[in-house]
Amino acid sequence: MPLARKLADAVVVITGGSSGIGAATAYALARRGCAVVLAARSAPALERVAGHCRELGGRALVVPTDVTDPDAVRRLAYVAASEFGRIDAWINNAAVGAVGLFDEIPEAEFRRVLDVSLLGSANGIRAALPHLSAAGGGVVVNNASILAEVAMPYQSPYNAAKHGIRGLADTVRQELRLTGRGAISVCTVLPATIDTPFFRHAANHSGRELTPPPPVYPPEVVAETIVRLLRRPRREAYAGGAARLIGLPWRLAPAAAERLLGWYVQRTQFGPAPRPEAPGTCSGRTPRRCRRAAGTGDADSSSG
């Protein structure tokens, strides 16, 4: 089911709203007159995005939030509904990454990627559902990446998290239908490689410079896909032509596609320069640079 009211009258919560896809989505919605509620850990970055949203004609509210904290996410939903009277849509977009061989990524960083990228989305859905029901229906959009359908080497925690988001969305959609809450739609967006801070902020245990595998699309491509899903919800939607092209051979000939994608990523994900290890998704008891990268939205994006 689509939104219970016109998009211009909608109240939309966006996690990972301080940069990249989250910010681009906020701007796209603000241009259409929406009220956007922006969540991430960096209040100054959120305020900058909110200011531009207001310049574009939308209403904006900043609620600094750690999506790994269920109580904080419930508070985000409560504040959004209290300020604007309801919630019509919820976009789970916060994500972080760790790049390297599976057996060389520290366990704590692996867990951090799952906490932010997968459990953060679960916390968002759980907080959103009662408010969407109270509004007479609504839409949840989960930003899952094409890596929810395929897999690439050196991205094991991110692959696992995004596959998990896709499975979670499919399950919740079934349960809503079975329990008479079909007015709430659950959608999954599968972007190709997007030009966001992801590769700059990801923990890097490869020993090499990280570069986004081409083709690379601007975040506005994903933002417009999300807007279309709010207007006409679908189970899944690709963002960027390469995402659909990558997904098709994976479905038709998965063994061959797995070998080909592994070969391609090996040659395009790393630049020529060596890089020391960078704990981009480290815990909060670390220097500021690491905390920024580990935040819930400052590194939001899709890696591929």
C-alpha atoms as a PDB file:
ATOM      1  CA  MET A   1       0.000   0.000   0.000  1.00  0.00           C
ATOM      2  CA  PRO A   2       1.235   3.553  -0.697  1.00  0.00           C
ATOM      3  CA  LEU A   3       1.381   6.361   1.828  1.00  0.00           C
ATOM      4  CA  ALA A   4      -1.903   7.132   3.554  1.00  0.00           C
ATOM      5  CA  ARG A   5      -1.604  10.775   2.422  1.00  0.00           C
ATOM      6  CA  LYS A   6       0.074  12.864  -0.255  1.00  0.00           C
ATOM      7  CA  LEU A   7       3.865  12.867  -0.300  1.00  0.00           C
ATOM      8  CA  ALA A   8       3.887  16.634   0.238  1.00  0.00           C
ATOM      9  CA  ASP A   9       2.076  16.102   3.552  1.00  0.00           C
ATOM     10  CA  ALA A  10       4.171  13.145   4.687  1.00  0.00           C
ATOM     11  CA  VAL A  11       6.442  12.875   7.718  1.00  0.00           C
ATOM     12  CA  VAL A  12       9.507  10.763   6.917  1.00  0.00           C
ATOM     13  CA  VAL A  13      12.211   9.537   9.313  1.00  0.00           C
ATOM     14  CA  ILE A  14      15.652   8.957   7.782  1.00  0.00           C
ATOM     15  CA  THR A  15      18.448   7.224   9.655  1.00  0.00           C
ATOM     16  CA  GLY A  16      21.933   7.820   8.357  1.00  0.00           C
ATOM     17  CA  GLY A  17      20.692  11.261   7.405  1.00  0.00           C
ATOM     18  CA  SER A  18      23.884  13.269   7.820  1.00  0.00           C
ATOM     19  CA  SER A  19      25.582  12.484   4.496  1.00  0.00           C
ATOM     20  CA  GLY A  20      25.541  10.434   1.310  1.00  0.00           C
ATOM     21  CA  ILE A  21      22.304   8.678   0.406  1.00  0.00           C
ATOM     22  CA  GLY A  22      20.541   9.833   3.565  1.00  0.00           C
ATOM     23  CA  ALA A  23      21.222  13.510   2.903  1.00  0.00           C
ATOM     24  CA  ALA A  24      20.344  13.201  -0.791  1.00  0.00           C
ATOM     25  CA  THR A  25      17.041  11.542   0.134  1.00  0.00           C
ATOM     26  CA  ALA A  26      16.271  14.275   2.650  1.00  0.00           C
ATOM     27  CA  TYR A  27      16.838  16.926  -0.023  1.00  0.00           C
ATOM     28  CA  ALA A  28      14.675  15.085  -2.557  1.00  0.00           C
ATOM     29  CA  LEU A  29      11.831  14.874  -0.051  1.00  0.00           C
ATOM     30  CA  ALA A  30      12.244  18.465   1.135  1.00  0.00           C
ATOM     31  CA  ARG A  31      11.861  19.690  -2.450  1.00  0.00           C
ATOM     32  CA  ARG A  32       8.483  17.974  -2.462  1.00  0.00           C
ATOM     33  CA  GLY A  33       7.412  19.649   0.770  1.00  0.00           C
ATOM     34  CA  CYS A  34       7.873  16.713   3.151  1.00  0.00           C
ATOM     35  CA  ALA A  35       8.704  16.959   6.813  1.00  0.00           C
ATOM     36  CA  VAL A  36      11.943  15.025   7.346  1.00  0.00           C
ATOM     37  CA  VAL A  37      13.276  13.769  10.662  1.00  0.00           C
ATOM     38  CA  LEU A  38      17.032  13.280  10.410  1.00  0.00           C
ATOM     39  CA  ALA A  39      18.905  10.811  12.597  1.00  0.00           C
ATOM     40  CA  ALA A  40      22.619  10.043  12.908  1.00  0.00           C
ATOM     41  CA  ARG A  41      25.213  10.492  15.645  1.00  0.00           C
ATOM     42  CA  SER A  42      26.752  13.740  14.387  1.00  0.00           C
ATOM     43  CA  ALA A  43      24.477  16.619  15.415  1.00  0.00           C
ATOM     44  CA  PRO A  44      26.463  19.320  13.541  1.00  0.00           C
ATOM     45  CA  ALA A  45      26.309  17.337  10.283  1.00  0.00           C
ATOM     46  CA  LEU A  46      22.584  16.756  10.756  1.00  0.00           C
ATOM     47  CA  GLU A  47      22.006  20.466  11.349  1.00  0.00           C
ATOM     48  CA  ARG A  48      23.716  21.295   8.063  1.00  0.00           C
ATOM     49  CA  VAL A  49      21.478  18.874   6.189  1.00  0.00           C
ATOM     50  CA  ALA A  50      18.397  20.161   8.005  1.00  0.00           C
ATOM     51  CA  GLY A  51      19.257  23.751   7.139  1.00  0.00           C
ATOM     52  CA  HIS A  52      19.434  22.941   3.447  1.00  0.00           C
ATOM     53  CA  CYS A  53      16.157  21.000   3.660  1.00  0.00           C
ATOM     54  CA  ARG A  54      14.466  24.126   5.012  1.00  0.00           C
ATOM     55  CA  GLU A  55      15.982  26.201   2.212  1.00  0.00           C
ATOM     56  CA  LEU A  56      14.438  23.747  -0.256  1.00  0.00           C
ATOM     57  CA  GLY A  57      10.977  24.249   1.230  1.00  0.00           C
ATOM     58  CA  GLY A  58      10.675  21.289   3.563  1.00  0.00           C
ATOM     59  CA  ARG A  59      10.372  21.028   7.310  1.00  0.00           C
ATOM     60  CA  ALA A  60      13.228  19.336   9.161  1.00  0.00           C
ATOM     61  CA  LEU A  61      13.862  18.035  12.650  1.00  0.00           C
ATOM     62  CA  VAL A  62      17.232  16.821  13.936  1.00  0.00           C
ATOM     63  CA  VAL A  63      17.298  13.947  16.438  1.00  0.00           C
ATOM     64  CA  PRO A  64      20.849  12.694  17.113  1.00  0.00           C
ATOM     65  CA  THR A  65      20.512   8.933  17.460  1.00  0.00           C
ATOM     66  CA  ASP A  66      22.665   5.839  17.764  1.00  0.00           C
ATOM     67  CA  VAL A  67      20.707   3.235  15.796  1.00  0.00           C
ATOM     68  CA  THR A  68      22.396   0.396  17.698  1.00  0.00           C
ATOM     69  CA  ASP A  69      20.544   1.519  20.854  1.00  0.00           C
ATOM     70  CA  PRO A  70      16.899   0.302  20.720  1.00  0.00           C
ATOM     71  CA  ASP A  71      15.808   2.813  23.371  1.00  0.00           C
ATOM     72  CA  ALA A  72      17.367   5.666  21.402  1.00  0.00           C
ATOM     73  CA  VAL A  73      15.569   4.567  18.233  1.00  0.00           C
ATOM     74  CA  ARG A  74      12.248   4.341  20.069  1.00  0.00           C
ATOM     75  CA  ARG A  75      12.892   7.847  21.353  1.00  0.00           C
ATOM     76  CA  LEU A  76      13.563   8.972  17.772  1.00  0.00           C
ATOM     77  CA  ALA A  77      10.154   7.664  16.733  1.00  0.00           C
ATOM     78  CA  TYR A  78       8.450   9.248  19.750  1.00  0.00           C
ATOM     79  CA  VAL A  79      10.049  12.657  19.146  1.00  0.00           C
ATOM     80  CA  ALA A  80       9.184  12.569  15.435  1.00  0.00           C
ATOM     81  CA  ALA A  81       5.541  11.705  16.109  1.00  0.00           C
ATOM     82  CA  SER A  82       5.280  14.258  18.918  1.00  0.00           C
ATOM     83  CA  GLU A  83       6.692  17.056  16.748  1.00  0.00           C
ATOM     84  CA  PHE A  84       4.712  16.379  13.571  1.00  0.00           C
ATOM     85  CA  GLY A  85       1.723  14.403  14.846  1.00  0.00           C
ATOM     86  CA  ARG A  86       2.517  11.107  13.127  1.00  0.00           C
ATOM     87  CA  ILE A  87       5.054   9.130  11.071  1.00  0.00           C
ATOM     88  CA  ASP A  88       4.185   8.193   7.480  1.00  0.00           C
ATOM     89  CA  ALA A  89       7.440   6.593   6.337  1.00  0.00           C
ATOM     90  CA  TRP A  90      10.684   5.329   7.814  1.00  0.00           C
ATOM     91  CA  ILE A  91      13.909   4.946   5.840  1.00  0.00           C
ATOM     92  CA  ASN A  92      16.605   2.691   7.317  1.00  0.00           C
ATOM     93  CA  ASN A  93      19.817   3.893   5.749  1.00  0.00           C
ATOM     94  CA  ALA A  94      22.557   3.928   8.395  1.00  0.00           C
ATOM     95  CA  ALA A  95      25.478   1.634   7.582  1.00  0.00           C
ATOM     96  CA  VAL A  96      29.192   1.165   8.161  1.00  0.00           C
ATOM     97  CA  GLY A  97      31.697  -1.231   6.621  1.00  0.00           C
ATOM     98  CA  ALA A  98      34.900  -3.131   7.201  1.00  0.00           C
ATOM     99  CA  VAL A  99      37.028  -4.226   4.263  1.00  0.00           C
ATOM    100  CA  GLY A 100      39.540  -7.069   4.315  1.00  0.00           C
ATOM    101  CA  LEU A 101      39.789 -10.838   4.349  1.00  0.00           C
ATOM    102  CA  PHE A 102      37.181 -12.477   6.585  1.00  0.00           C
ATOM    103  CA  ASP A 103      39.753 -14.031   8.885  1.00  0.00           C
ATOM    104  CA  GLU A 104      41.683 -10.760   9.227  1.00  0.00           C
ATOM    105  CA  ILE A 105      38.793  -8.472  10.195  1.00  0.00           C
ATOM    106  CA  PRO A 106      38.712  -8.167  14.005  1.00  0.00           C
ATOM    107  CA  GLU A 107      35.677  -9.747  15.638  1.00  0.00           C
ATOM    108  CA  ALA A 108      34.674  -6.469  17.279  1.00  0.00           C
ATOM    109  CA  GLU A 109      34.607  -4.677  13.937  1.00  0.00           C
ATOM    110  CA  PHE A 110      32.658  -7.487  12.291  1.00  0.00           C
ATOM    111  CA  ARG A 111      30.109  -7.232  15.073  1.00  0.00           C
ATOM    112  CA  ARG A 112      29.975  -3.441  14.773  1.00  0.00           C
ATOM    113  CA  VAL A 113      29.040  -3.658  11.085  1.00  0.00           C
ATOM    114  CA  LEU A 114      26.201  -6.048  11.933  1.00  0.00           C
ATOM    115  CA  ASP A 115      25.078  -3.893  14.863  1.00  0.00           C
ATOM    116  CA  VAL A 116      24.787  -0.737  12.772  1.00  0.00           C
ATOM    117  CA  SER A 117      23.825  -2.050   9.357  1.00  0.00           C
ATOM    118  CA  LEU A 118      21.527  -4.974  10.271  1.00  0.00           C
ATOM    119  CA  LEU A 119      20.384  -4.578  13.878  1.00  0.00           C
ATOM    120  CA  GLY A 120      20.075  -0.828  13.386  1.00  0.00           C
ATOM    121  CA  SER A 121      17.539  -1.512  10.635  1.00  0.00           C
ATOM    122  CA  ALA A 122      15.711  -4.019  12.842  1.00  0.00           C
ATOM    123  CA  ASN A 123      15.546  -1.408  15.609  1.00  0.00           C
ATOM    124  CA  GLY A 124      14.146   1.080  13.114  1.00  0.00           C
ATOM    125  CA  ILE A 125      11.425  -1.244  11.832  1.00  0.00           C
ATOM    126  CA  ARG A 126      10.422  -2.193  15.368  1.00  0.00           C
ATOM    127  CA  ALA A 127      10.152   1.448  16.420  1.00  0.00           C
ATOM    128  CA  ALA A 128       8.313   2.509  13.267  1.00  0.00           C
ATOM    129  CA  LEU A 129       5.562  -0.121  13.083  1.00  0.00           C
ATOM    130  CA  PRO A 130       3.247   1.126  15.862  1.00  0.00           C
ATOM    131  CA  HIS A 131       3.469   4.700  14.593  1.00  0.00           C
ATOM    132  CA  LEU A 132       2.781   3.673  10.993  1.00  0.00           C
ATOM    133  CA  SER A 133      -0.222   1.666  12.173  1.00  0.00           C
ATOM    134  CA  ALA A 134      -1.488   4.671  14.119  1.00  0.00           C
ATOM    135  CA  ALA A 135      -1.156   6.817  10.971  1.00  0.00           C
ATOM    136  CA  GLY A 136      -3.389   4.444   9.015  1.00  0.00           C
ATOM    137  CA  GLY A 137      -0.509   2.874   7.105  1.00  0.00           C
ATOM    138  CA  GLY A 138       2.835   3.858   5.682  1.00  0.00           C
ATOM    139  CA  VAL A 139       6.055   2.693   4.095  1.00  0.00           C
ATOM    140  CA  VAL A 140       9.336   1.308   5.440  1.00  0.00           C
ATOM    141  CA  VAL A 141      12.276   1.483   3.035  1.00  0.00           C
ATOM    142  CA  ASN A 142      15.455  -0.441   3.834  1.00  0.00           C
ATOM    143  CA  ASN A 143      18.625   0.523   1.983  1.00  0.00           C
ATOM    144  CA  ALA A 144      20.190  -2.873   1.411  1.00  0.00           C
ATOM    145  CA  SER A 145      22.671  -2.538  -1.490  1.00  0.00           C
ATOM    146  CA  ILE A 146      23.033  -4.922  -4.420  1.00  0.00           C
ATOM    147  CA  LEU A 147      25.225  -6.840  -1.960  1.00  0.00           C
ATOM    148  CA  ALA A 148      21.960  -8.097  -0.481  1.00  0.00           C
ATOM    149  CA  GLU A 149      21.595 -10.184  -3.641  1.00  0.00           C
ATOM    150  CA  VAL A 150      25.197 -10.856  -4.687  1.00  0.00           C
ATOM    151  CA  ALA A 151      28.450 -10.970  -2.726  1.00  0.00           C
ATOM    152  CA  MET A 152      31.873  -9.524  -3.286  1.00  0.00           C
ATOM    153  CA  PRO A 153      35.170 -10.524  -1.672  1.00  0.00           C
ATOM    154  CA  TYR A 154      36.697  -8.473   1.156  1.00  0.00           C
ATOM    155  CA  GLN A 155      33.242  -7.301   2.321  1.00  0.00           C
ATOM    156  CA  SER A 156      32.110 -10.242   4.469  1.00  0.00           C
ATOM    157  CA  PRO A 157      30.411  -8.321   7.343  1.00  0.00           C
ATOM    158  CA  TYR A 158      28.738  -5.884   4.972  1.00  0.00           C
ATOM    159  CA  ASN A 159      27.560  -8.722   2.695  1.00  0.00           C
ATOM    160  CA  ALA A 160      26.166 -10.569   5.702  1.00  0.00           C
ATOM    161  CA  ALA A 161      24.391  -7.483   7.039  1.00  0.00           C
ATOM    162  CA  LYS A 162      22.810  -6.587   3.705  1.00  0.00           C
ATOM    163  CA  HIS A 163      21.675 -10.149   3.003  1.00  0.00           C
ATOM    164  CA  GLY A 164      20.174 -10.082   6.487  1.00  0.00           C
ATOM    165  CA  ILE A 165      18.281  -6.865   5.801  1.00  0.00           C
ATOM    166  CA  ARG A 166      16.717  -8.373   2.704  1.00  0.00           C
ATOM    167  CA  GLY A 167      15.602 -11.470   4.591  1.00  0.00           C
ATOM    168  CA  LEU A 168      14.306  -9.382   7.481  1.00  0.00           C
ATOM    169  CA  ALA A 169      12.254  -7.198   5.138  1.00  0.00           C
ATOM    170  CA  ASP A 170      10.738 -10.228   3.403  1.00  0.00           C
ATOM    171  CA  THR A 171       9.770 -11.768   6.748  1.00  0.00           C
ATOM    172  CA  VAL A 172       8.240  -8.621   8.223  1.00  0.00           C
ATOM    173  CA  ARG A 173       6.261  -8.035   5.009  1.00  0.00           C
ATOM    174  CA  GLN A 174       4.733 -11.516   5.279  1.00  0.00           C
ATOM    175  CA  GLU A 175       3.903 -11.053   8.942  1.00  0.00           C
ATOM    176  CA  LEU A 176       2.215  -7.697   8.370  1.00  0.00           C
ATOM    177  CA  ARG A 177       0.023  -9.220   5.676  1.00  0.00           C
ATOM    178  CA  LEU A 178      -0.885 -12.203   7.842  1.00  0.00           C
ATOM    179  CA  THR A 179      -1.802 -10.046  10.830  1.00  0.00           C
ATOM    180  CA  GLY A 180      -4.045  -7.595   9.001  1.00  0.00           C
ATOM    181  CA  ARG A 181      -1.504  -4.774   8.775  1.00  0.00           C
ATOM    182  CA  GLY A 182      -1.190  -4.792   5.007  1.00  0.00           C
ATOM    183  CA  ALA A 183      -1.518  -1.000   4.893  1.00  0.00           C
ATOM    184  CA  ILE A 184       2.168  -0.917   5.892  1.00  0.00           C
ATOM    185  CA  SER A 185       4.545  -1.600   2.995  1.00  0.00           C
ATOM    186  CA  VAL A 186       8.097  -2.845   3.471  1.00  0.00           C
ATOM    187  CA  CYS A 187      10.441  -2.120   0.570  1.00  0.00           C
ATOM    188  CA  THR A 188      14.085  -2.906  -0.115  1.00  0.00           C
ATOM    189  CA  VAL A 189      16.293  -0.774  -2.349  1.00  0.00           C
ATOM    190  CA  LEU A 190      19.343  -2.392  -3.969  1.00  0.00           C
ATOM    191  CA  PRO A 191      21.829   0.291  -5.089  1.00  0.00           C
ATOM    192  CA  ALA A 192      24.900  -0.272  -7.216  1.00  0.00           C
ATOM    193  CA  THR A 193      28.152   1.463  -6.211  1.00  0.00           C
ATOM    194  CA  ILE A 194      27.280   4.955  -4.969  1.00  0.00           C
ATOM    195  CA  ASP A 195      29.494   8.008  -4.539  1.00  0.00           C
ATOM    196  CA  THR A 196      29.300   8.417  -0.749  1.00  0.00           C
ATOM    197  CA  PRO A 197      31.812   8.498   2.137  1.00  0.00           C
ATOM    198  CA  PHE A 198      31.588   4.706   2.539  1.00  0.00           C
ATOM    199  CA  PHE A 199      35.022   3.788   1.228  1.00  0.00           C
ATOM    200  CA  ARG A 200      36.699   6.698   3.042  1.00  0.00           C
ATOM    201  CA  HIS A 201      35.137   5.715   6.362  1.00  0.00           C
ATOM    202  CA  ALA A 202      35.206   1.925   6.169  1.00  0.00           C
ATOM    203  CA  ALA A 203      37.610   0.026   8.385  1.00  0.00           C
ATOM    204  CA  ASN A 204      40.433  -1.053   6.102  1.00  0.00           C
ATOM    205  CA  HIS A 205      42.391  -4.242   6.765  1.00  0.00           C
ATOM    206  CA  SER A 206      43.397  -4.858   3.162  1.00  0.00           C
ATOM    207  CA  GLY A 207      46.699  -2.989   3.374  1.00  0.00           C
ATOM    208  CA  ARG A 208      45.768  -1.105   0.209  1.00  0.00           C
ATOM    209  CA  GLU A 209      43.956   2.049  -0.808  1.00  0.00           C
ATOM    210  CA  LEU A 210      40.195   1.507  -1.232  1.00  0.00           C
ATOM    211  CA  THR A 211      38.401   2.678  -4.353  1.00  0.00           C
ATOM    212  CA  PRO A 212      34.729   2.183  -5.299  1.00  0.00           C
ATOM    213  CA  PRO A 213      34.302  -0.416  -8.076  1.00  0.00           C
ATOM    214  CA  PRO A 214      32.896   1.309 -11.174  1.00  0.00           C
ATOM    215  CA  PRO A 215      30.446   2.279 -12.435  1.00  0.00           C
ATOM    216  CA  VAL A 216      29.792   4.733  -9.610  1.00  0.00           C
ATOM    217  CA  TYR A 217      26.447   6.542  -9.391  1.00  0.00           C
ATOM    218  CA  PRO A 218      25.567   9.751  -7.516  1.00  0.00           C
ATOM    219  CA  PRO A 219      23.492   9.367  -4.342  1.00  0.00           C
ATOM    220  CA  GLU A 220      20.630  11.213  -6.007  1.00  0.00           C
ATOM    221  CA  VAL A 221      19.956   8.074  -8.068  1.00  0.00           C
ATOM    222  CA  VAL A 222      19.124   6.187  -4.870  1.00  0.00           C
ATOM    223  CA  ALA A 223      17.205   9.144  -3.439  1.00  0.00           C
ATOM    224  CA  GLU A 224      14.878   9.282  -6.440  1.00  0.00           C
ATOM    225  CA  THR A 225      14.375   5.516  -6.255  1.00  0.00           C
ATOM    226  CA  ILE A 226      13.340   5.854  -2.616  1.00  0.00           C
ATOM    227  CA  VAL A 227      10.918   8.657  -3.486  1.00  0.00           C
ATOM    228  CA  ARG A 228       9.326   6.400  -6.115  1.00  0.00           C
ATOM    229  CA  LEU A 229       8.984   3.613  -3.567  1.00  0.00           C
ATOM    230  CA  LEU A 230       7.182   5.949  -1.186  1.00  0.00           C
ATOM    231  CA  ARG A 231       4.731   6.855  -3.932  1.00  0.00           C
ATOM    232  CA  ARG A 232       4.364   3.365  -5.376  1.00  0.00           C
ATOM    233  CA  PRO A 233       5.764   0.747  -2.990  1.00  0.00           C
ATOM    234  CA  ARG A 234       7.334  -2.408  -4.397  1.00  0.00           C
ATOM    235  CA  ARG A 235       9.037  -5.322  -2.704  1.00  0.00           C
ATOM    236  CA  GLU A 236      12.406  -4.392  -4.200  1.00  0.00           C
ATOM    237  CA  ALA A 237      13.883  -1.809  -6.518  1.00  0.00           C
ATOM    238  CA  TYR A 238      17.343  -1.498  -8.055  1.00  0.00           C
ATOM    239  CA  ALA A 239      19.115   1.860  -8.047  1.00  0.00           C
ATOM    240  CA  GLY A 240      21.666   2.314 -10.833  1.00  0.00           C
ATOM    241  CA  GLY A 241      21.591   0.262 -14.013  1.00  0.00           C
ATOM    242  CA  ALA A 242      24.615  -1.790 -13.011  1.00  0.00           C
ATOM    243  CA  ALA A 243      22.748  -3.202 -10.015  1.00  0.00           C
ATOM    244  CA  ARG A 244      20.191  -4.904 -12.242  1.00  0.00           C
ATOM    245  CA  LEU A 245      22.917  -6.119 -14.609  1.00  0.00           C
ATOM    246  CA  ILE A 246      24.906  -7.607 -11.718  1.00  0.00           C
ATOM    247  CA  GLY A 247      21.881  -9.291 -10.199  1.00  0.00           C
ATOM    248  CA  LEU A 248      20.669 -11.023 -13.354  1.00  0.00           C
ATOM    249  CA  PRO A 249      23.673 -13.296 -14.027  1.00  0.00           C
ATOM    250  CA  TRP A 250      23.894 -14.081 -10.316  1.00  0.00           C
ATOM    251  CA  ARG A 251      20.394 -15.521 -10.525  1.00  0.00           C
ATOM    252  CA  LEU A 252      20.905 -17.324 -13.831  1.00  0.00           C
ATOM    253  CA  ALA A 253      24.437 -18.697 -13.390  1.00  0.00           C
ATOM    254  CA  PRO A 254      25.533 -18.054  -9.811  1.00  0.00           C
ATOM    255  CA  ALA A 255      28.782 -20.045  -9.872  1.00  0.00           C
ATOM    256  CA  ALA A 256      30.093 -18.285 -12.980  1.00  0.00           C
ATOM    257  CA  ALA A 257      28.851 -14.887 -11.769  1.00  0.00           C
ATOM    258  CA  GLU A 258      30.559 -15.400  -8.409  1.00  0.00           C
ATOM    259  CA  ARG A 259      33.903 -16.072 -10.079  1.00  0.00           C
ATOM    260  CA  LEU A 260      33.520 -13.152 -12.491  1.00  0.00           C
ATOM    261  CA  LEU A 261      32.511 -10.651  -9.798  1.00  0.00           C
ATOM    262  CA  GLY A 262      35.356 -11.786  -7.562  1.00  0.00           C
ATOM    263  CA  TRP A 263      37.823 -11.263 -10.401  1.00  0.00           C
ATOM    264  CA  TYR A 264      36.381  -7.822 -11.178  1.00  0.00           C
ATOM    265  CA  VAL A 265      36.367  -6.608  -7.576  1.00  0.00           C
ATOM    266  CA  GLN A 266      39.910  -7.835  -6.987  1.00  0.00           C
ATOM    267  CA  ARG A 267      41.051  -5.536  -9.788  1.00  0.00           C
ATOM    268  CA  THR A 268      38.858  -2.487  -9.144  1.00  0.00           C
ATOM    269  CA  GLN A 269      38.330  -2.156  -5.388  1.00  0.00           C
ATOM    270  CA  PHE A 270      41.955  -1.399  -4.555  1.00  0.00           C
ATOM    271  CA  GLY A 271      44.114   1.488  -5.702  1.00  0.00           C
ATOM    272  CA  PRO A 272      47.864   1.322  -6.274  1.00  0.00           C
ATOM    273  CA  ALA A 273      48.894   2.972  -3.007  1.00  0.00           C
ATOM    274  CA  PRO A 274      49.481   0.947   0.173  1.00  0.00           C
ATOM    275  CA  ARG A 275      47.484   1.977   3.261  1.00  0.00           C
ATOM    276  CA  PRO A 276      47.989   1.169   6.937  1.00  0.00           C
ATOM    277  CA  GLU A 277      45.148  -0.502   8.781  1.00  0.00           C
ATOM    278  CA  ALA A 278      42.342   1.926   9.675  1.00  0.00           C
ATOM    279  CA  PRO A 279      39.747   0.917  12.312  1.00  0.00           C
ATOM    280  CA  GLY A 280      36.888   2.781  10.680  1.00  0.00           C
ATOM    281  CA  THR A 281      34.173   0.937  12.583  1.00  0.00           C
ATOM    282  CA  CYS A 282      35.866   0.887  15.979  1.00  0.00           C
ATOM    283  CA  SER A 283      34.090   1.450  19.276  1.00  0.00           C
ATOM    284  CA  GLY A 284      33.231   4.741  20.920  1.00  0.00           C
ATOM    285  CA  ARG A 285      36.212   4.665  23.305  1.00  0.00           C
ATOM    286  CA  THR A 286      38.568   5.707  20.511  1.00  0.00           C
ATOM    287  CA  PRO A 287      39.877   8.828  18.813  1.00  0.00           C
ATOM    288  CA  ARG A 288      37.360  11.171  17.201  1.00  0.00           C
ATOM    289  CA  ARG A 289      38.195  10.094  13.625  1.00  0.00           C
ATOM    290  CA  CYS A 290      37.230   6.522  14.418  1.00  0.00           C
ATOM    291  CA  ARG A 291      34.054   7.554  16.210  1.00  0.00           C
ATOM    292  CA  ARG A 292      32.948   9.566  13.185  1.00  0.00           C
ATOM    293  CA  ALA A 293      33.475   6.622  10.880  1.00  0.00           C
ATOM    294  CA  ALA A 294      31.689   4.259  13.244  1.00  0.00           C
ATOM    295  CA  GLY A 295      28.687   6.546  13.600  1.00  0.00           C
ATOM    296  CA  THR A 296      25.173   5.734  12.489  1.00  0.00           C
ATOM    297  CA  GLY A 297      24.969   7.695   9.309  1.00  0.00           C
ATOM    298  CA  ASP A 298      28.209   9.570   8.907  1.00  0.00           C
ATOM    299  CA  ALA A 299      29.373   6.676   6.752  1.00  0.00           C
ATOM    300  CA  ASP A 300      26.016   5.802   5.269  1.00  0.00           C
ATOM    301  CA  SER A 301      26.101   4.408   1.747  1.00  0.00           C
ATOM    302  CA  SER A 302      26.106   1.358  -0.388  1.00  0.00           C
ATOM    303  CA  SER A 303      29.393  -0.121  -1.414  1.00  0.00           C
ATOM    304  CA  GLY A 304      28.116  -1.990  -4.403  1.00  0.00           C
END
